[in-house]
Amino acid sequence: MTSKENMGSMFPPIQIVLADQGDARAQYELGVKFESGQGARQDYAEALKWYRRAADQGESNAEYNLGCLHRDGRGTPQDYAEAAKWYRRAADRGNPYAQHNLGYLYEAGQGVEQSQTAAVGWYRKAADQGVAAAQFNVGIAYDTGQGVPTDHAEAAAWYRKAADQDYANAQNNLGRIYEDGRGVPQDFAEAVKWFERAAIQGNAAAQFNLGRAYHTGRGTTQNLHEAAKWYRKAADRGDPAAQFNLGVLYSNGKGVPKDYVEAHRWFKLAILRFPESDVVHRKAAIKNRHLIASRMSPLQIAESQRLASEWTPK
């Protein structure tokens, strides 16, 4: 069966005719179907071909998708410079997702000369069009002073825009802003509210922060059972601080039954996942693991090590 005959079995004839006659929208839609495999066999090279035909006519969504294929190396060798070229074409036409992705390439220095200032400029264009990820990245820029002067109030405003769209990373960062009182009045209860919204979505950092709030009773009623629950969720996702705190709870029998095997396991995992640069926390985890090990039998230690070796992030 020829390629065109195969297409005819998958697509409405009018769509093929229009694409062959140079209709940019039809060409773009064929590209989408080949890329997604919905309504067609998945074929990235074929998707690339149709996106390119549409993009050559100025179809911004096709330009954006071409950028993604070149960035990810699907249907073509990975090429960040080529990705940046197509993102820029779409971005210049006002495509907000291309603007955001071009900002990321500038931030990472992939395919373009690294520039935080340029990155923030493109993030801002996308953020002004409502892209939550871009709003979050503008917030990060103001929070850290990368590409713009540090302005925590401005950071909070951008985090809130993204948080209101249920963007979990922004919700967590907004919680931290309220917890620390940076750019907003310090408000632990407001912090907990945002931590919880992000934690429910599976954000590990927010799960840890919510667990810590229940552990300390800041912004909510102290509840060690709830603290252990949220630490465990974050620990299961690989958060080393949550793994360490969960180990502490197991070693003391607070919020959970006292269990040295579990405590030893979580301290060991925390040691493995804290970066080497985090000397203070790694040393604390090592010290606690040694202390717990001194209270365990060789069989218990072997069981803990087995559990740790079998653990994988969820």
Protein backbone atom coordinates (compact mmCIF):
# COMPACT_ATOMS: atom_id res chain seq x y z
CA MET A 1 0.00 0.00 0.00
CA THR A 2 1.42 3.43 -0.88
CA SER A 3 1.76 6.18 1.69
CA LYS A 4 -1.10 8.12 0.11
CA GLU A 5 -3.32 5.07 -0.02
CA ASN A 6 -2.51 4.37 3.61
CA MET A 7 -3.41 7.95 4.48
CA GLY A 8 -6.66 7.57 2.65
CA SER A 9 -7.63 4.68 4.88
CA MET A 10 -7.03 6.82 7.98
CA PHE A 11 -8.11 10.36 7.15
CA PRO A 12 -11.21 11.90 5.60
CA PRO A 13 -10.52 12.31 1.85
CA ILE A 14 -11.26 16.04 2.01
CA GLN A 15 -8.51 16.53 4.60
CA ILE A 16 -5.95 14.80 2.37
CA VAL A 17 -7.06 16.79 -0.66
CA LEU A 18 -6.82 20.05 1.24
CA ALA A 19 -3.39 19.17 2.65
CA ASP A 20 -2.09 18.18 -0.79
CA GLN A 21 -3.46 21.43 -2.19
CA GLY A 22 -1.47 23.38 0.40
CA ASP A 23 -4.07 24.11 3.07
CA ALA A 24 -1.90 24.91 6.12
CA ARG A 25 -4.53 24.00 8.69
CA ALA A 26 -5.15 20.59 7.10
CA GLN A 27 -1.41 19.98 6.94
CA TYR A 28 -1.06 20.88 10.61
CA GLU A 29 -3.92 18.58 11.60
CA LEU A 30 -2.35 15.68 9.70
CA GLY A 31 0.86 16.34 11.59
CA VAL A 32 -1.00 16.22 14.90
CA LYS A 33 -2.56 12.87 14.04
CA PHE A 34 0.75 11.34 13.01
CA GLU A 35 2.46 12.68 16.13
CA SER A 36 -0.21 11.55 18.58
CA GLY A 37 -1.14 8.29 16.89
CA GLN A 38 -4.80 9.19 17.30
CA GLY A 39 -6.60 8.50 14.05
CA ALA A 40 -3.35 7.42 12.42
CA ARG A 41 -0.33 5.24 13.02
CA GLN A 42 2.20 7.13 15.13
CA ASP A 43 4.99 8.33 12.85
CA TYR A 44 7.10 11.25 14.03
CA ALA A 45 8.94 11.61 10.71
CA GLU A 46 5.62 11.89 8.88
CA ALA A 47 4.39 14.37 11.49
CA LEU A 48 7.54 16.41 10.98
CA LYS A 49 6.94 16.49 7.23
CA TRP A 50 3.40 17.83 7.52
CA TYR A 51 4.25 20.30 10.28
CA ARG A 52 7.06 21.63 8.11
CA ARG A 53 4.73 22.18 5.18
CA ALA A 54 2.27 24.04 7.39
CA ALA A 55 5.03 25.96 9.16
CA ASP A 56 6.46 27.14 5.85
CA GLN A 57 3.11 28.89 5.38
CA GLY A 58 3.26 30.57 8.78
CA GLU A 59 1.01 28.20 10.78
CA SER A 60 2.25 29.04 14.31
CA ASN A 61 1.00 25.87 15.97
CA ALA A 62 2.93 23.83 13.40
CA GLU A 63 6.02 25.97 14.05
CA TYR A 64 5.66 25.32 17.77
CA ASN A 65 5.24 21.57 17.28
CA LEU A 66 8.24 21.49 14.96
CA GLY A 67 10.24 23.11 17.73
CA CYS A 68 9.13 20.39 20.17
CA LEU A 69 10.08 17.58 17.77
CA HIS A 70 13.55 19.05 17.21
CA ARG A 71 13.99 19.69 20.94
CA ASP A 72 13.07 16.11 21.85
CA GLY A 73 14.69 14.38 18.89
CA ARG A 74 11.48 12.78 17.65
CA GLY A 75 11.41 12.07 13.91
CA THR A 76 14.71 13.90 13.54
CA PRO A 77 18.03 14.15 15.41
CA GLN A 78 17.81 16.31 18.52
CA ASP A 79 18.77 19.88 17.63
CA TYR A 80 18.21 22.67 20.14
CA ALA A 81 19.26 25.39 17.71
CA GLU A 82 16.65 24.21 15.22
CA ALA A 83 14.10 23.99 18.04
CA ALA A 84 14.90 27.57 19.04
CA LYS A 85 14.48 28.72 15.42
CA TRP A 86 10.97 27.31 15.16
CA TYR A 87 9.96 28.37 18.65
CA ARG A 88 11.06 31.90 17.82
CA ARG A 89 9.02 31.98 14.62
CA ALA A 90 5.93 30.88 16.50
CA ALA A 91 6.72 33.12 19.46
CA ASP A 92 7.04 36.15 17.20
CA ARG A 93 3.53 35.38 15.96
CA GLY A 94 2.30 35.45 19.57
CA ASN A 95 2.12 31.72 20.30
CA PRO A 96 2.30 31.64 24.12
CA TYR A 97 3.59 28.08 24.44
CA ALA A 98 6.39 28.79 22.01
CA GLN A 99 7.21 31.92 23.98
CA HIS A 100 7.42 29.87 27.17
CA ASN A 101 9.58 27.15 25.63
CA LEU A 102 11.87 29.69 24.01
CA GLY A 103 12.27 31.26 27.45
CA TYR A 104 13.32 27.89 28.83
CA LEU A 105 15.94 27.45 26.07
CA TYR A 106 17.40 30.86 26.97
CA GLU A 107 17.41 29.94 30.65
CA ALA A 108 19.17 26.63 29.97
CA GLY A 109 21.41 27.95 27.20
CA GLN A 110 20.24 25.25 24.81
CA GLY A 111 20.48 26.19 21.14
CA VAL A 112 20.89 29.87 22.08
CA GLU A 113 23.32 31.87 24.19
CA GLN A 114 22.27 31.57 27.84
CA SER A 115 20.49 34.71 29.06
CA GLN A 116 18.29 35.01 32.12
CA THR A 117 17.14 38.41 30.94
CA ALA A 118 15.96 37.03 27.60
CA ALA A 119 14.41 34.05 29.37
CA VAL A 120 12.34 36.26 31.66
CA GLY A 121 11.31 38.42 28.73
CA TRP A 122 9.84 35.44 26.89
CA TYR A 123 8.33 33.97 30.06
CA ARG A 124 6.63 37.30 30.70
CA LYS A 125 5.10 37.37 27.21
CA ALA A 126 3.66 33.89 27.76
CA ALA A 127 2.62 34.70 31.33
CA ASP A 128 0.67 37.73 30.15
CA GLN A 129 -1.31 35.33 27.95
CA GLY A 130 -2.15 33.13 30.92
CA VAL A 131 0.34 30.25 30.65
CA ALA A 132 0.60 28.98 34.23
CA ALA A 133 4.09 27.49 33.85
CA ALA A 134 5.34 30.84 32.53
CA GLN A 135 3.67 32.72 35.39
CA PHE A 136 5.45 30.38 37.80
CA ASN A 137 8.79 30.99 36.08
CA VAL A 138 8.32 34.76 36.22
CA GLY A 139 7.61 34.32 39.93
CA ILE A 140 10.84 32.33 40.33
CA ALA A 141 12.76 35.08 38.54
CA TYR A 142 11.49 37.80 40.89
CA ASP A 143 11.90 35.53 43.92
CA THR A 144 15.56 34.79 43.15
CA GLY A 145 16.59 37.94 41.28
CA GLN A 146 17.53 36.07 38.10
CA GLY A 147 17.10 38.28 35.05
CA VAL A 148 15.17 40.90 37.03
CA PRO A 149 15.73 42.70 40.34
CA THR A 150 14.58 40.70 43.36
CA ASP A 151 11.02 41.63 44.28
CA HIS A 152 9.22 39.20 46.59
CA ALA A 153 5.89 41.01 46.34
CA GLU A 154 6.03 40.67 42.55
CA ALA A 155 7.04 37.02 42.95
CA ALA A 156 4.03 36.40 45.18
CA ALA A 157 1.72 38.04 42.65
CA TRP A 158 2.95 35.80 39.83
CA TYR A 159 2.92 32.68 41.97
CA ARG A 160 -0.69 33.43 42.85
CA LYS A 161 -1.68 33.78 39.19
CA ALA A 162 -0.29 30.32 38.48
CA ALA A 163 -1.56 28.90 41.78
CA ASP A 164 -5.07 30.02 40.94
CA GLN A 165 -4.77 27.81 37.86
CA ASP A 166 -3.89 24.85 40.13
CA TYR A 167 -0.23 24.87 39.15
CA ALA A 168 1.18 22.82 42.03
CA ASN A 169 4.74 24.17 42.04
CA ALA A 170 3.40 27.70 42.27
CA GLN A 171 1.02 26.73 45.06
CA ASN A 172 3.92 25.29 47.04
CA ASN A 173 6.10 28.34 46.45
CA LEU A 174 3.25 30.67 47.39
CA GLY A 175 2.94 28.68 50.60
CA ARG A 176 6.64 29.24 51.30
CA ILE A 177 6.22 32.95 50.59
CA TYR A 178 3.47 33.17 53.23
CA GLU A 179 5.39 30.97 55.64
CA ASP A 180 8.46 33.21 55.45
CA GLY A 181 6.60 36.50 55.13
CA ARG A 182 8.47 37.50 51.97
CA GLY A 183 6.58 40.14 50.01
CA VAL A 184 3.38 39.36 51.93
CA PRO A 185 2.45 39.46 55.63
CA GLN A 186 3.56 36.25 57.34
CA ASP A 187 0.57 33.94 57.59
CA PHE A 188 1.11 30.30 58.54
CA ALA A 189 -2.54 29.33 58.01
CA GLU A 190 -2.46 30.76 54.48
CA ALA A 191 0.77 28.85 53.89
CA VAL A 192 -0.85 25.59 54.97
CA LYS A 193 -3.79 26.23 52.65
CA TRP A 194 -1.51 26.44 49.62
CA PHE A 195 0.69 23.55 50.75
CA GLU A 196 -2.40 21.37 51.01
CA ARG A 197 -3.65 22.31 47.54
CA ALA A 198 -0.30 21.37 46.02
CA ALA A 199 0.14 18.28 48.20
CA ILE A 200 -3.19 16.84 47.08
CA GLN A 201 -1.89 17.05 43.51
CA GLY A 202 1.14 14.94 44.46
CA ASN A 203 3.76 17.69 44.76
CA ALA A 204 6.45 16.13 46.97
CA ALA A 205 7.85 19.42 48.27
CA ALA A 206 4.38 20.54 49.32
CA GLN A 207 3.68 17.17 50.93
CA PHE A 208 6.82 17.60 53.00
CA ASN A 209 5.89 21.18 53.90
CA LEU A 210 2.39 20.12 54.90
CA GLY A 211 3.82 17.31 57.00
CA ARG A 212 6.15 19.77 58.68
CA ALA A 213 3.22 22.09 59.44
CA TYR A 214 1.36 19.24 61.17
CA HIS A 215 4.58 18.22 62.92
CA THR A 216 5.21 21.68 64.38
CA GLY A 217 1.62 22.90 64.65
CA ARG A 218 2.38 26.07 62.69
CA GLY A 219 -0.69 27.23 60.81
CA THR A 220 -2.73 24.20 61.85
CA THR A 221 -3.38 22.01 64.87
CA GLN A 222 -0.41 19.78 65.65
CA ASN A 223 -1.16 16.24 64.54
CA LEU A 224 1.71 13.77 64.36
CA HIS A 225 -0.39 11.13 62.59
CA GLU A 226 -1.10 13.62 59.81
CA ALA A 227 2.55 14.66 59.82
CA ALA A 228 3.63 11.05 59.33
CA LYS A 229 1.04 10.55 56.57
CA TRP A 230 2.28 13.50 54.52
CA TYR A 231 5.95 12.80 55.21
CA ARG A 232 5.37 9.26 53.93
CA LYS A 233 3.77 10.51 50.72
CA ALA A 234 6.72 12.85 50.08
CA ALA A 235 9.23 10.19 51.15
CA ASP A 236 7.69 7.70 48.73
CA ARG A 237 8.30 10.23 45.97
CA GLY A 238 11.96 10.58 46.95
CA ASP A 239 12.06 13.74 49.06
CA PRO A 240 15.12 13.26 51.35
CA ALA A 241 13.98 15.73 54.01
CA ALA A 242 10.69 13.85 54.32
CA GLN A 243 12.58 10.55 54.48
CA PHE A 244 14.74 11.90 57.29
CA ASN A 245 11.77 13.26 59.28
CA LEU A 246 9.86 10.03 58.78
CA GLY A 247 12.86 8.17 60.16
CA VAL A 248 12.77 10.42 63.22
CA LEU A 249 9.08 9.66 63.81
CA TYR A 250 9.64 5.90 63.50
CA SER A 251 12.63 6.01 65.82
CA ASN A 252 10.63 7.85 68.51
CA GLY A 253 7.28 6.17 67.92
CA LYS A 254 5.50 9.49 67.34
CA GLY A 255 2.62 9.50 64.89
CA VAL A 256 3.54 5.94 63.94
CA PRO A 257 4.42 2.81 65.95
CA LYS A 258 8.07 2.74 67.03
CA ASP A 259 9.90 0.70 64.39
CA TYR A 260 13.70 0.69 64.19
CA VAL A 261 13.71 -1.26 60.93
CA GLU A 262 11.62 1.45 59.25
CA ALA A 263 13.59 4.24 60.91
CA HIS A 264 16.91 2.76 59.74
CA ARG A 265 15.52 2.29 56.22
CA TRP A 266 14.36 5.89 55.86
CA PHE A 267 17.59 7.32 57.30
CA LYS A 268 19.58 5.22 54.81
CA LEU A 269 17.44 6.41 51.91
CA ALA A 270 17.79 10.02 53.05
CA ILE A 271 21.58 9.65 53.09
CA LEU A 272 21.50 8.37 49.52
CA ARG A 273 19.25 11.15 48.27
CA PHE A 274 20.60 14.21 50.06
CA PRO A 275 23.10 15.82 47.66
CA GLU A 276 26.74 15.61 48.75
CA SER A 277 26.77 19.40 48.95
CA ASP A 278 24.15 19.21 51.74
CA VAL A 279 26.73 18.23 54.33
CA VAL A 280 24.68 19.17 57.40
CA HIS A 281 21.64 17.05 56.58
CA ARG A 282 23.67 14.10 55.31
CA LYS A 283 25.69 14.07 58.54
CA ALA A 284 22.50 14.22 60.60
CA ALA A 285 21.04 11.27 58.69
CA ILE A 286 24.25 9.26 59.06
CA LYS A 287 24.38 9.99 62.79
CA ASN A 288 20.76 8.93 63.28
CA ARG A 289 21.21 5.77 61.23
CA HIS A 290 24.22 4.76 63.34
CA LEU A 291 22.32 5.48 66.55
CA ILE A 292 19.37 3.35 65.48
CA ALA A 293 21.64 0.56 64.24
CA SER A 294 23.19 0.31 67.72
CA ARG A 295 19.75 -0.71 69.02
CA MET A 296 19.04 -3.29 66.31
CA SER A 297 19.90 -6.94 65.84
CA PRO A 298 21.88 -8.06 62.76
CA LEU A 299 18.68 -9.58 61.36
CA GLN A 300 16.81 -6.29 61.74
CA ILE A 301 19.62 -4.39 60.04
CA ALA A 302 19.64 -6.88 57.17
CA GLU A 303 15.87 -6.51 56.78
CA SER A 304 16.13 -2.73 56.76
CA GLN A 305 18.87 -2.83 54.15
CA ARG A 306 16.77 -5.16 52.02
CA LEU A 307 13.79 -2.82 52.20
CA ALA A 308 15.98 0.15 51.30
CA SER A 309 17.55 -1.66 48.33
CA GLU A 310 14.11 -2.58 46.99
CA TRP A 311 12.68 0.93 47.33
CA THR A 312 11.93 2.92 44.20
CA PRO A 313 10.25 6.36 43.98
CA LYS A 314 6.53 6.33 43.31
